[in-house]
Amino acid sequence: MRAKTTSADQWLDLISKDKLQTFQDNFAKASGASMIFLNLEGTPLTVWSQNSLFCFTIAKSHGNRCEKNFQSDMEEVRKGAPFVHSCPFGISCLYVPVYFKDKLVACAAVGGITTPGSTISESLMEKYHVTSLSKERISVLLQLLDSMLQLLNINISIAGQRRNDARALSMKVRDDRISKREREIVSLLCKGCSNRQIAQQLFISETTVKTHISNILAKLNLHDRMQIVVYYYNKDEN
């Protein structure tokens, strides 16, 4: 088992391999193509979805040629832009880069498809379940997948800072004078929530929220909800 030290592995751990596999399976099914995620060395990060029987069969007889073709594709992937490449045997493959913290870390490969008028005969297409798509449809799939993967270009430092801020606020709200439910309400007040929003999140009535806030004010000898927010944001964690 290889050590999880690369940026691709960090990205995969963050978004969850199971979720990525599910997305990949659904995309492959919807497009009628095979699909996989690879790191920049060409090592699989997921398991092939709808693996192409045609490519598998060709590779058994032309392994060296297929490997050279694949390595050429991976060199193109490292340029960081989506592209479509057709191999000498008539199969097209879409490559879409994956960025993490604005750094190229992996790619999605969608293959096992061909275009009308390719060198693959109708009988072979039927035998090996090769999907034929128009060049326009392939272009749409490329753009769609690129847009989806851009959503996964996560800045983990920002996410981490938000978690740290929330953790710090949680520490400040720990006060023996108020109950657990009152602490929950204080936390939501500090996030700028209205009484209605607090009621919805805690599944209680607005009247109950108002009662809790009145009790908090009395216990802390404060006069309004804004003073509660100021008090806990200025409260020493010690």
Foldseek 3Di string as FASTA:
>chain_A
DDDQDAPVSVLCVVVDQVVVQVVQQVLCVVVVWKKFKAWLVRHTPHDIHPDFPVVVVVCVVVVVQVVVVVVVVSVVVVVQAWDWDAGPQFKIKTWHFAAALNHTTIIMIIIQEGEPPTPDDPVNCVVRVRHYDHPVVVVVSNVVVNVVRVVSRDDVVVVVVVVVVLVLLLLLLDDPLADPLLSLLLSVVLVVDDLVRSCVVVVHDSVVSVVSQVSVCVSVVHDDSVVSNVCSVPGDSD
